Amino acid sequence: MIWPFKKKDKFIKSTGRAVTEYNKLRASVGMAPASDDDYCEAVAWVVVYDLLAPEVADECKCLPVDERGLFMMVYATYLSWLAMKVVESKFPPESWGRISLMLQREFSKQSWYRPEIMKRLLDSMVEYPPIGKRTGRHFNISLGPWPDAVMATNLAGFKLENSTNIKFILYIVIMSGKIVETIAKMAPAG
C-alpha cells in the first residue's frame, strides 16, 4: 500500500505525543506530571491537541471561508462525541461533565465557537452516531466516521459537504482509533 502521508509514524504517534506535550506544559509552569487525579484535564488536552492538528487546519483552509467555522465546530463536536463515548464507558460517572466543561472553556476561545450550534450538532451525533458503519449494496465498505459526522450535521439542519480529501478521511480513521486508545489508557484504576 502506498501511504498517503509524508511520514507514516508521525500521525500514529501524535496522540500519544499529546500526553507528553501535556506533561511538558505542566512542567513549564512548575507542575508535576499528570496523575490519575488529573485524568479529566488530560482527556480534554488530547481532544484539543487533535483539534489543533495541522491536518485539520489544512482541510479547513481548503473550504470556502463561510464554511470554515461550521467545519471546525463539526470536527470539535466529533472529537467531543468520541471522547464522551470512551469516558462514559471507562471512567467514573462524573467524569464527562467535568471534561465537557473544560472543552467548552477551550472551544470558547475560538472565533468559530457557537455553543447553541455545537449543542445541536452533539445531539444529532448522539442520535446518529458517526461510527463509520460499513454500508454498501455491493462492497460493504466504510469511509470511516467523517461522512457519518457530516450526515449528522446535515440532519441537524446545517449544510456541510463531505470531504473529497482521502488523506483527511484516512487521518480521521487512524486518529480516531488512537484517540480512543489513548483516552482509554487514561482511565483511573479502580
N, C-alpha and C. Protein backbone atom coordinates (compact mmCIF):
# COMPACT_ATOMS: atom_id res chain seq x y z
N MET A 1 0.84 -1.18 0.00
CA MET A 1 0.00 0.00 0.00
C MET A 1 0.88 1.25 0.00
N ILE A 2 0.52 2.21 -0.79
CA ILE A 2 1.23 3.49 -0.80
C ILE A 2 0.62 4.33 0.30
N TRP A 3 1.45 4.74 1.25
CA TRP A 3 0.96 5.52 2.38
C TRP A 3 0.72 6.95 1.94
N PRO A 4 -0.46 7.52 2.21
CA PRO A 4 -0.78 8.84 1.69
C PRO A 4 -0.14 10.00 2.45
N PHE A 5 0.54 9.73 3.52
CA PHE A 5 1.13 10.79 4.31
C PHE A 5 2.64 10.82 4.10
N LYS A 6 3.24 11.94 4.44
CA LYS A 6 4.68 12.09 4.27
C LYS A 6 5.45 11.14 5.15
N LYS A 7 5.01 11.01 6.37
CA LYS A 7 5.75 10.17 7.30
C LYS A 7 4.74 9.32 8.06
N LYS A 8 4.71 8.05 7.79
CA LYS A 8 3.70 7.14 8.32
C LYS A 8 3.58 7.20 9.83
N ASP A 9 4.65 7.19 10.57
CA ASP A 9 4.59 7.13 12.03
C ASP A 9 4.17 8.44 12.67
N LYS A 10 4.32 9.53 11.98
CA LYS A 10 4.03 10.85 12.56
C LYS A 10 2.61 10.91 13.12
N PHE A 11 1.63 10.44 12.38
CA PHE A 11 0.24 10.56 12.78
C PHE A 11 -0.13 9.53 13.82
N ILE A 12 0.40 8.35 13.70
CA ILE A 12 0.08 7.30 14.65
C ILE A 12 0.60 7.65 16.03
N LYS A 13 1.69 8.34 16.11
CA LYS A 13 2.28 8.69 17.40
C LYS A 13 1.78 10.01 17.96
N SER A 14 1.10 10.83 17.15
CA SER A 14 0.80 12.19 17.60
C SER A 14 -0.14 12.25 18.79
N THR A 15 -1.10 11.34 18.90
CA THR A 15 -1.99 11.39 20.05
C THR A 15 -1.24 10.99 21.31
N GLY A 16 -0.38 9.99 21.24
CA GLY A 16 0.46 9.66 22.39
C GLY A 16 1.35 10.84 22.75
N ARG A 17 1.78 11.57 21.74
CA ARG A 17 2.61 12.75 21.97
C ARG A 17 1.82 13.83 22.69
N ALA A 18 0.49 13.83 22.54
CA ALA A 18 -0.34 14.82 23.22
C ALA A 18 -0.15 14.72 24.72
N VAL A 19 -0.07 13.51 25.24
CA VAL A 19 0.12 13.33 26.68
C VAL A 19 1.50 13.83 27.08
N THR A 20 2.51 13.53 26.26
CA THR A 20 3.87 14.01 26.53
C THR A 20 3.90 15.53 26.52
N GLU A 21 3.28 16.14 25.52
CA GLU A 21 3.23 17.60 25.43
C GLU A 21 2.48 18.20 26.62
N TYR A 22 1.42 17.53 27.03
CA TYR A 22 0.65 17.99 28.18
C TYR A 22 1.54 18.00 29.42
N ASN A 23 2.30 16.95 29.62
CA ASN A 23 3.19 16.89 30.78
C ASN A 23 4.31 17.93 30.68
N LYS A 24 4.80 18.21 29.48
CA LYS A 24 5.81 19.26 29.30
C LYS A 24 5.22 20.62 29.67
N LEU A 25 3.98 20.86 29.24
CA LEU A 25 3.32 22.11 29.58
C LEU A 25 3.18 22.24 31.09
N ARG A 26 2.77 21.18 31.75
CA ARG A 26 2.65 21.20 33.21
C ARG A 26 4.01 21.50 33.85
N ALA A 27 5.06 20.87 33.34
CA ALA A 27 6.40 21.08 33.88
C ALA A 27 6.85 22.53 33.68
N SER A 28 6.47 23.13 32.55
CA SER A 28 6.90 24.50 32.25
C SER A 28 6.35 25.52 33.25
N VAL A 29 5.27 25.17 33.93
CA VAL A 29 4.71 26.07 34.94
C VAL A 29 4.91 25.51 36.35
N GLY A 30 5.85 24.57 36.47
CA GLY A 30 6.21 24.04 37.77
C GLY A 30 5.29 22.95 38.32
N MET A 31 4.47 22.38 37.47
CA MET A 31 3.56 21.32 37.94
C MET A 31 4.17 19.95 37.69
N ALA A 32 3.81 19.00 38.52
CA ALA A 32 4.26 17.61 38.34
C ALA A 32 3.54 17.00 37.15
N PRO A 33 4.08 15.90 36.59
CA PRO A 33 3.36 15.20 35.52
C PRO A 33 1.94 14.82 35.97
N ALA A 34 1.06 14.67 35.02
CA ALA A 34 -0.32 14.34 35.33
C ALA A 34 -0.41 13.03 36.11
N SER A 35 -1.28 13.02 37.09
CA SER A 35 -1.53 11.82 37.87
C SER A 35 -2.96 11.36 37.58
N ASP A 36 -3.38 10.28 38.20
CA ASP A 36 -4.74 9.81 38.00
C ASP A 36 -5.78 10.87 38.34
N ASP A 37 -5.46 11.75 39.29
CA ASP A 37 -6.40 12.79 39.66
C ASP A 37 -6.58 13.83 38.57
N ASP A 38 -5.65 13.89 37.63
CA ASP A 38 -5.69 14.88 36.56
C ASP A 38 -6.25 14.31 35.25
N TYR A 39 -6.89 13.15 35.32
CA TYR A 39 -7.30 12.47 34.10
C TYR A 39 -8.29 13.29 33.28
N CYS A 40 -9.17 14.05 33.90
CA CYS A 40 -10.15 14.83 33.13
C CYS A 40 -9.44 15.90 32.29
N GLU A 41 -8.50 16.58 32.90
CA GLU A 41 -7.73 17.60 32.19
C GLU A 41 -6.91 16.96 31.06
N ALA A 42 -6.35 15.80 31.30
CA ALA A 42 -5.56 15.12 30.28
C ALA A 42 -6.42 14.70 29.09
N VAL A 43 -7.63 14.21 29.35
CA VAL A 43 -8.53 13.83 28.26
C VAL A 43 -8.88 15.07 27.43
N ALA A 44 -9.20 16.17 28.09
CA ALA A 44 -9.52 17.40 27.37
C ALA A 44 -8.33 17.84 26.51
N TRP A 45 -7.13 17.69 27.05
CA TRP A 45 -5.93 18.06 26.32
C TRP A 45 -5.79 17.22 25.03
N VAL A 46 -6.07 15.94 25.10
CA VAL A 46 -5.97 15.07 23.92
C VAL A 46 -6.94 15.56 22.84
N VAL A 47 -8.16 15.91 23.22
CA VAL A 47 -9.14 16.39 22.25
C VAL A 47 -8.68 17.70 21.61
N VAL A 48 -8.27 18.65 22.42
CA VAL A 48 -7.83 19.95 21.90
C VAL A 48 -6.58 19.79 21.04
N TYR A 49 -5.68 18.92 21.45
CA TYR A 49 -4.45 18.69 20.69
C TYR A 49 -4.77 18.23 19.27
N ASP A 50 -5.71 17.30 19.14
CA ASP A 50 -6.06 16.84 17.80
C ASP A 50 -6.85 17.89 17.03
N LEU A 51 -7.67 18.65 17.71
CA LEU A 51 -8.43 19.71 17.05
C LEU A 51 -7.49 20.72 16.39
N LEU A 52 -6.34 20.96 17.01
CA LEU A 52 -5.39 21.94 16.50
C LEU A 52 -4.32 21.33 15.58
N ALA A 53 -4.51 20.08 15.19
CA ALA A 53 -3.53 19.39 14.34
C ALA A 53 -3.42 20.08 12.97
N PRO A 54 -2.22 20.06 12.39
CA PRO A 54 -2.04 20.69 11.06
C PRO A 54 -2.93 20.08 9.99
N GLU A 55 -3.21 18.79 10.08
CA GLU A 55 -4.06 18.13 9.09
C GLU A 55 -5.47 18.71 9.09
N VAL A 56 -5.96 19.05 10.27
CA VAL A 56 -7.28 19.65 10.40
C VAL A 56 -7.26 21.07 9.83
N ALA A 57 -6.23 21.83 10.17
CA ALA A 57 -6.10 23.19 9.65
C ALA A 57 -5.99 23.18 8.13
N ASP A 58 -5.25 22.24 7.58
CA ASP A 58 -5.10 22.16 6.12
C ASP A 58 -6.44 21.88 5.44
N GLU A 59 -7.21 20.95 6.02
CA GLU A 59 -8.53 20.65 5.44
C GLU A 59 -9.44 21.86 5.54
N CYS A 60 -9.40 22.55 6.65
CA CYS A 60 -10.23 23.73 6.86
C CYS A 60 -9.90 24.81 5.83
N LYS A 61 -8.63 25.01 5.54
CA LYS A 61 -8.20 26.03 4.58
C LYS A 61 -8.70 25.75 3.17
N CYS A 62 -8.99 24.49 2.86
CA CYS A 62 -9.48 24.12 1.53
C CYS A 62 -10.94 24.48 1.32
N LEU A 63 -11.63 24.78 2.39
CA LEU A 63 -13.06 25.08 2.31
C LEU A 63 -13.30 26.55 2.02
N PRO A 64 -14.47 26.87 1.46
CA PRO A 64 -14.83 28.28 1.32
C PRO A 64 -14.85 28.94 2.70
N VAL A 65 -14.50 30.20 2.76
CA VAL A 65 -14.37 30.92 4.02
C VAL A 65 -15.64 30.80 4.87
N ASP A 66 -16.80 30.88 4.25
CA ASP A 66 -18.05 30.85 5.01
C ASP A 66 -18.39 29.47 5.57
N GLU A 67 -17.67 28.41 5.21
CA GLU A 67 -17.91 27.07 5.73
C GLU A 67 -16.90 26.65 6.80
N ARG A 68 -15.85 27.42 6.98
CA ARG A 68 -14.76 27.01 7.87
C ARG A 68 -15.19 26.92 9.33
N GLY A 69 -15.99 27.87 9.78
CA GLY A 69 -16.44 27.84 11.17
C GLY A 69 -17.28 26.60 11.46
N LEU A 70 -18.21 26.29 10.56
CA LEU A 70 -19.04 25.10 10.74
C LEU A 70 -18.17 23.85 10.72
N PHE A 71 -17.21 23.79 9.79
CA PHE A 71 -16.32 22.64 9.72
C PHE A 71 -15.61 22.43 11.07
N MET A 72 -15.06 23.50 11.63
CA MET A 72 -14.34 23.37 12.90
C MET A 72 -15.28 22.95 14.03
N MET A 73 -16.50 23.48 14.02
CA MET A 73 -17.46 23.06 15.05
C MET A 73 -17.83 21.59 14.90
N VAL A 74 -17.99 21.14 13.67
CA VAL A 74 -18.32 19.73 13.43
C VAL A 74 -17.15 18.85 13.89
N TYR A 75 -15.94 19.23 13.54
CA TYR A 75 -14.79 18.41 13.94
C TYR A 75 -14.63 18.41 15.46
N ALA A 76 -14.79 19.57 16.08
CA ALA A 76 -14.70 19.65 17.55
C ALA A 76 -15.81 18.82 18.20
N THR A 77 -16.99 18.86 17.63
CA THR A 77 -18.10 18.07 18.16
C THR A 77 -17.84 16.58 17.97
N TYR A 78 -17.31 16.21 16.81
CA TYR A 78 -16.98 14.79 16.59
C TYR A 78 -15.96 14.31 17.63
N LEU A 79 -14.91 15.09 17.84
CA LEU A 79 -13.90 14.70 18.83
C LEU A 79 -14.51 14.62 20.23
N SER A 80 -15.38 15.55 20.55
CA SER A 80 -16.06 15.52 21.85
C SER A 80 -16.93 14.27 21.97
N TRP A 81 -17.67 13.97 20.93
CA TRP A 81 -18.52 12.77 20.93
C TRP A 81 -17.66 11.52 21.12
N LEU A 82 -16.56 11.45 20.41
CA LEU A 82 -15.66 10.30 20.51
C LEU A 82 -15.12 10.15 21.93
N ALA A 83 -14.63 11.25 22.49
CA ALA A 83 -14.13 11.22 23.86
C ALA A 83 -15.24 10.84 24.84
N MET A 84 -16.43 11.39 24.63
CA MET A 84 -17.56 11.10 25.51
C MET A 84 -17.87 9.60 25.54
N LYS A 85 -17.85 8.96 24.38
CA LYS A 85 -18.15 7.53 24.32
C LYS A 85 -17.15 6.72 25.14
N VAL A 86 -15.87 7.08 25.06
CA VAL A 86 -14.85 6.36 25.83
C VAL A 86 -14.99 6.66 27.31
N VAL A 87 -15.13 7.93 27.63
CA VAL A 87 -15.21 8.34 29.03
C VAL A 87 -16.44 7.72 29.71
N GLU A 88 -17.57 7.73 29.05
CA GLU A 88 -18.77 7.17 29.65
C GLU A 88 -18.66 5.66 29.89
N SER A 89 -17.82 4.99 29.12
CA SER A 89 -17.69 3.54 29.30
C SER A 89 -16.56 3.12 30.24
N LYS A 90 -15.58 3.99 30.48
CA LYS A 90 -14.41 3.56 31.23
C LYS A 90 -14.05 4.42 32.45
N PHE A 91 -14.70 5.55 32.63
CA PHE A 91 -14.34 6.49 33.68
C PHE A 91 -15.46 6.57 34.72
N PRO A 92 -15.17 7.14 35.88
CA PRO A 92 -16.23 7.34 36.88
C PRO A 92 -17.37 8.20 36.32
N PRO A 93 -18.57 8.05 36.85
CA PRO A 93 -19.76 8.70 36.29
C PRO A 93 -19.68 10.23 36.14
N GLU A 94 -19.03 10.93 37.03
CA GLU A 94 -19.00 12.39 36.97
C GLU A 94 -17.95 12.93 35.98
N SER A 95 -17.16 12.06 35.42
CA SER A 95 -16.02 12.48 34.61
C SER A 95 -16.41 13.28 33.37
N TRP A 96 -17.39 12.81 32.60
CA TRP A 96 -17.70 13.50 31.36
C TRP A 96 -18.16 14.93 31.62
N GLY A 97 -18.93 15.15 32.66
CA GLY A 97 -19.37 16.51 32.99
C GLY A 97 -18.20 17.44 33.22
N ARG A 98 -17.20 16.98 33.94
CA ARG A 98 -16.01 17.80 34.19
C ARG A 98 -15.23 18.04 32.91
N ILE A 99 -15.06 17.00 32.11
CA ILE A 99 -14.30 17.12 30.86
C ILE A 99 -15.02 18.05 29.88
N SER A 100 -16.32 17.90 29.75
CA SER A 100 -17.06 18.72 28.78
C SER A 100 -16.97 20.21 29.15
N LEU A 101 -16.97 20.53 30.44
CA LEU A 101 -16.80 21.93 30.84
C LEU A 101 -15.43 22.46 30.44
N MET A 102 -14.40 21.63 30.61
CA MET A 102 -13.05 22.04 30.19
C MET A 102 -12.99 22.26 28.68
N LEU A 103 -13.62 21.36 27.93
CA LEU A 103 -13.63 21.50 26.48
C LEU A 103 -14.37 22.77 26.05
N GLN A 104 -15.52 23.02 26.65
CA GLN A 104 -16.28 24.23 26.31
C GLN A 104 -15.45 25.48 26.59
N ARG A 105 -14.71 25.47 27.70
CA ARG A 105 -13.86 26.61 28.03
C ARG A 105 -12.80 26.82 26.94
N GLU A 106 -12.20 25.73 26.46
CA GLU A 106 -11.19 25.85 25.41
C GLU A 106 -11.81 26.23 24.07
N PHE A 107 -12.93 25.60 23.73
CA PHE A 107 -13.60 25.93 22.47
C PHE A 107 -14.03 27.39 22.44
N SER A 108 -14.47 27.91 23.57
CA SER A 108 -14.97 29.29 23.62
C SER A 108 -13.90 30.32 23.28
N LYS A 109 -12.65 29.92 23.28
CA LYS A 109 -11.55 30.82 22.91
C LYS A 109 -11.41 30.95 21.39
N GLN A 110 -12.13 30.12 20.65
CA GLN A 110 -12.01 30.10 19.20
C GLN A 110 -13.08 30.99 18.56
N SER A 111 -12.71 31.66 17.48
CA SER A 111 -13.65 32.58 16.82
C SER A 111 -14.85 31.85 16.21
N TRP A 112 -14.69 30.58 15.91
CA TRP A 112 -15.77 29.82 15.28
C TRP A 112 -16.77 29.27 16.28
N TYR A 113 -16.50 29.32 17.54
CA TYR A 113 -17.33 28.66 18.56
C TYR A 113 -18.71 29.31 18.69
N ARG A 114 -19.75 28.49 18.56
CA ARG A 114 -21.14 28.88 18.78
C ARG A 114 -21.78 27.77 19.62
N PRO A 115 -21.96 27.98 20.93
CA PRO A 115 -22.43 26.91 21.80
C PRO A 115 -23.77 26.31 21.40
N GLU A 116 -24.70 27.13 20.92
CA GLU A 116 -26.02 26.61 20.54
C GLU A 116 -25.92 25.68 19.33
N ILE A 117 -25.03 26.01 18.40
CA ILE A 117 -24.84 25.15 17.23
C ILE A 117 -24.15 23.85 17.64
N MET A 118 -23.13 23.95 18.48
CA MET A 118 -22.41 22.73 18.89
C MET A 118 -23.32 21.81 19.69
N LYS A 119 -24.24 22.36 20.47
CA LYS A 119 -25.18 21.52 21.20
C LYS A 119 -26.07 20.75 20.23
N ARG A 120 -26.58 21.45 19.21
CA ARG A 120 -27.41 20.77 18.20
C ARG A 120 -26.61 19.70 17.46
N LEU A 121 -25.35 20.00 17.15
CA LEU A 121 -24.50 19.02 16.47
C LEU A 121 -24.29 17.79 17.34
N LEU A 122 -23.98 18.00 18.62
CA LEU A 122 -23.75 16.88 19.52
C LEU A 122 -25.03 16.05 19.69
N ASP A 123 -26.16 16.71 19.85
CA ASP A 123 -27.43 15.98 19.96
C ASP A 123 -27.65 15.11 18.73
N SER A 124 -27.34 15.65 17.56
CA SER A 124 -27.51 14.89 16.32
C SER A 124 -26.53 13.72 16.24
N MET A 125 -25.28 13.93 16.68
CA MET A 125 -24.30 12.84 16.66
C MET A 125 -24.64 11.76 17.67
N VAL A 126 -25.29 12.14 18.75
CA VAL A 126 -25.74 11.13 19.71
C VAL A 126 -26.87 10.31 19.08
N GLU A 127 -27.77 10.98 18.38
CA GLU A 127 -28.89 10.29 17.73
C GLU A 127 -28.44 9.49 16.51
N TYR A 128 -27.51 10.03 15.75
CA TYR A 128 -26.98 9.38 14.54
C TYR A 128 -25.47 9.25 14.70
N PRO A 129 -25.00 8.26 15.45
CA PRO A 129 -23.57 8.15 15.79
C PRO A 129 -22.66 8.04 14.57
N PRO A 130 -21.58 8.84 14.56
CA PRO A 130 -20.61 8.78 13.46
C PRO A 130 -19.61 7.64 13.68
N ILE A 131 -20.07 6.43 13.50
CA ILE A 131 -19.24 5.27 13.81
C ILE A 131 -18.57 4.67 12.59
N GLY A 132 -18.86 5.19 11.42
CA GLY A 132 -18.22 4.65 10.23
C GLY A 132 -18.70 3.25 9.91
N LYS A 133 -19.99 3.02 10.12
CA LYS A 133 -20.56 1.69 9.87
C LYS A 133 -20.39 1.31 8.40
N ARG A 134 -20.03 0.08 8.21
CA ARG A 134 -19.85 -0.43 6.84
C ARG A 134 -21.21 -0.56 6.17
N THR A 135 -21.35 0.10 5.05
CA THR A 135 -22.59 0.02 4.29
C THR A 135 -22.25 -0.07 2.82
N GLY A 136 -23.17 -0.50 2.08
CA GLY A 136 -22.97 -0.56 0.64
C GLY A 136 -23.65 -1.78 0.07
N ARG A 137 -24.28 -1.57 -1.02
CA ARG A 137 -25.02 -2.65 -1.65
C ARG A 137 -24.10 -3.74 -2.20
N HIS A 138 -22.96 -3.33 -2.71
CA HIS A 138 -22.10 -4.29 -3.40
C HIS A 138 -20.80 -4.59 -2.67
N PHE A 139 -20.26 -3.64 -1.95
CA PHE A 139 -18.92 -3.83 -1.42
C PHE A 139 -18.82 -3.84 0.11
N ASN A 140 -19.84 -3.40 0.81
CA ASN A 140 -19.85 -3.38 2.27
C ASN A 140 -18.58 -2.71 2.81
N ILE A 141 -18.36 -1.47 2.43
CA ILE A 141 -17.17 -0.74 2.86
C ILE A 141 -17.55 0.47 3.70
N SER A 142 -16.59 1.04 4.36
CA SER A 142 -16.79 2.25 5.14
C SER A 142 -15.70 3.25 4.80
N LEU A 143 -16.07 4.51 4.76
CA LEU A 143 -15.09 5.58 4.60
C LEU A 143 -14.73 6.16 5.96
N GLY A 144 -15.08 5.46 7.00
CA GLY A 144 -14.76 5.92 8.34
C GLY A 144 -15.86 6.80 8.91
N PRO A 145 -15.57 7.43 10.04
CA PRO A 145 -16.60 8.18 10.76
C PRO A 145 -16.93 9.56 10.19
N TRP A 146 -16.03 10.17 9.41
CA TRP A 146 -16.29 11.54 8.97
C TRP A 146 -17.55 11.69 8.14
N PRO A 147 -17.81 10.85 7.14
CA PRO A 147 -19.08 11.01 6.40
C PRO A 147 -20.31 10.92 7.31
N ASP A 148 -20.25 10.08 8.34
CA ASP A 148 -21.36 9.99 9.28
C ASP A 148 -21.49 11.28 10.11
N ALA A 149 -20.37 11.89 10.48
CA ALA A 149 -20.41 13.15 11.21
C ALA A 149 -21.02 14.25 10.34
N VAL A 150 -20.66 14.25 9.06
CA VAL A 150 -21.23 15.24 8.13
C VAL A 150 -22.72 14.98 7.96
N MET A 151 -23.13 13.72 7.87
CA MET A 151 -24.55 13.38 7.75
C MET A 151 -25.31 13.88 8.98
N ALA A 152 -24.77 13.64 10.18
CA ALA A 152 -25.42 14.11 11.41
C ALA A 152 -25.54 15.63 11.41
N THR A 153 -24.53 16.30 10.87
CA THR A 153 -24.55 17.77 10.76
C THR A 153 -25.70 18.21 9.86
N ASN A 154 -25.82 17.58 8.72
CA ASN A 154 -26.88 17.94 7.78
C ASN A 154 -28.26 17.62 8.36
N LEU A 155 -28.37 16.51 9.10
CA LEU A 155 -29.64 16.16 9.74
C LEU A 155 -30.00 17.12 10.87
N ALA A 156 -29.00 17.80 11.42
CA ALA A 156 -29.24 18.81 12.46
C ALA A 156 -29.68 20.14 11.86
N GLY A 157 -29.72 20.22 10.53
CA GLY A 157 -30.20 21.42 9.87
C GLY A 157 -29.11 22.34 9.34
N PHE A 158 -27.88 21.86 9.30
CA PHE A 158 -26.77 22.65 8.79
C PHE A 158 -26.30 22.02 7.48
N LYS A 159 -25.59 22.77 6.68
CA LYS A 159 -25.12 22.25 5.39
C LYS A 159 -23.61 22.21 5.36
N LEU A 160 -23.08 20.99 5.31
CA LEU A 160 -21.64 20.79 5.16
C LEU A 160 -21.44 19.68 4.14
N GLU A 161 -20.56 19.92 3.19
CA GLU A 161 -20.27 18.92 2.17
C GLU A 161 -19.27 17.91 2.71
N ASN A 162 -19.37 16.68 2.24
CA ASN A 162 -18.39 15.67 2.59
C ASN A 162 -17.05 16.01 1.97
N SER A 163 -16.00 15.69 2.68
CA SER A 163 -14.66 15.93 2.16
C SER A 163 -14.36 14.94 1.04
N THR A 164 -13.65 15.41 0.05
CA THR A 164 -13.16 14.52 -1.00
C THR A 164 -11.67 14.27 -0.83
N ASN A 165 -11.11 14.77 0.26
CA ASN A 165 -9.69 14.63 0.53
C ASN A 165 -9.45 13.30 1.25
N ILE A 166 -8.99 12.30 0.53
CA ILE A 166 -8.80 10.97 1.10
C ILE A 166 -7.77 10.98 2.22
N LYS A 167 -6.77 11.86 2.13
CA LYS A 167 -5.78 11.95 3.21
C LYS A 167 -6.44 12.37 4.52
N PHE A 168 -7.35 13.34 4.44
CA PHE A 168 -8.03 13.79 5.64
C PHE A 168 -8.96 12.71 6.19
N ILE A 169 -9.69 12.05 5.31
CA ILE A 169 -10.59 10.98 5.74
C ILE A 169 -9.80 9.85 6.41
N LEU A 170 -8.66 9.48 5.83
CA LEU A 170 -7.82 8.44 6.44
C LEU A 170 -7.20 8.93 7.75
N TYR A 171 -6.85 10.20 7.80
CA TYR A 171 -6.32 10.78 9.03
C TYR A 171 -7.34 10.58 10.16
N ILE A 172 -8.60 10.89 9.89
CA ILE A 172 -9.64 10.74 10.91
C ILE A 172 -9.79 9.28 11.33
N VAL A 173 -9.77 8.38 10.37
CA VAL A 173 -9.89 6.95 10.69
C VAL A 173 -8.74 6.53 11.63
N ILE A 174 -7.53 6.89 11.27
CA ILE A 174 -6.35 6.50 12.06
C ILE A 174 -6.38 7.17 13.42
N MET A 175 -6.59 8.47 13.43
CA MET A 175 -6.53 9.21 14.69
C MET A 175 -7.69 8.87 15.62
N SER A 176 -8.84 8.55 15.08
CA SER A 176 -9.97 8.18 15.94
C SER A 176 -9.61 6.97 16.79
N GLY A 177 -9.01 5.97 16.16
CA GLY A 177 -8.59 4.79 16.90
C GLY A 177 -7.53 5.10 17.94
N LYS A 178 -6.58 5.95 17.57
CA LYS A 178 -5.52 6.32 18.51
C LYS A 178 -6.06 7.16 19.67
N ILE A 179 -7.01 8.03 19.38
CA ILE A 179 -7.62 8.85 20.43
C ILE A 179 -8.36 7.96 21.42
N VAL A 180 -9.15 7.03 20.90
CA VAL A 180 -9.88 6.10 21.76
C VAL A 180 -8.91 5.32 22.63
N GLU A 181 -7.86 4.80 22.04
CA GLU A 181 -6.85 4.02 22.78
C GLU A 181 -6.17 4.87 23.85
N THR A 182 -5.78 6.08 23.49
CA THR A 182 -5.09 6.96 24.43
C THR A 182 -5.98 7.33 25.61
N ILE A 183 -7.23 7.72 25.31
CA ILE A 183 -8.15 8.10 26.39
C ILE A 183 -8.47 6.91 27.26
N ALA A 184 -8.67 5.74 26.67
CA ALA A 184 -8.97 4.54 27.47
C ALA A 184 -7.83 4.23 28.44
N LYS A 185 -6.60 4.45 28.02
CA LYS A 185 -5.44 4.19 28.89
C LYS A 185 -5.38 5.19 30.05
N MET A 186 -6.04 6.33 29.92
CA MET A 186 -6.03 7.35 30.96
C MET A 186 -7.06 7.07 32.06
N ALA A 187 -7.93 6.12 31.81
CA ALA A 187 -8.99 5.85 32.79
C ALA A 187 -8.37 5.51 34.15
N PRO A 188 -8.89 6.12 35.20
CA PRO A 188 -8.35 5.86 36.53
C PRO A 188 -8.59 4.40 36.93
N ALA A 189 -7.62 3.85 37.61
CA ALA A 189 -7.75 2.47 38.09
C ALA A 189 -8.83 2.43 39.16
N GLY A 190 -9.59 1.38 39.12
CA GLY A 190 -10.49 1.32 40.22
C GLY A 190 -11.75 0.67 40.00
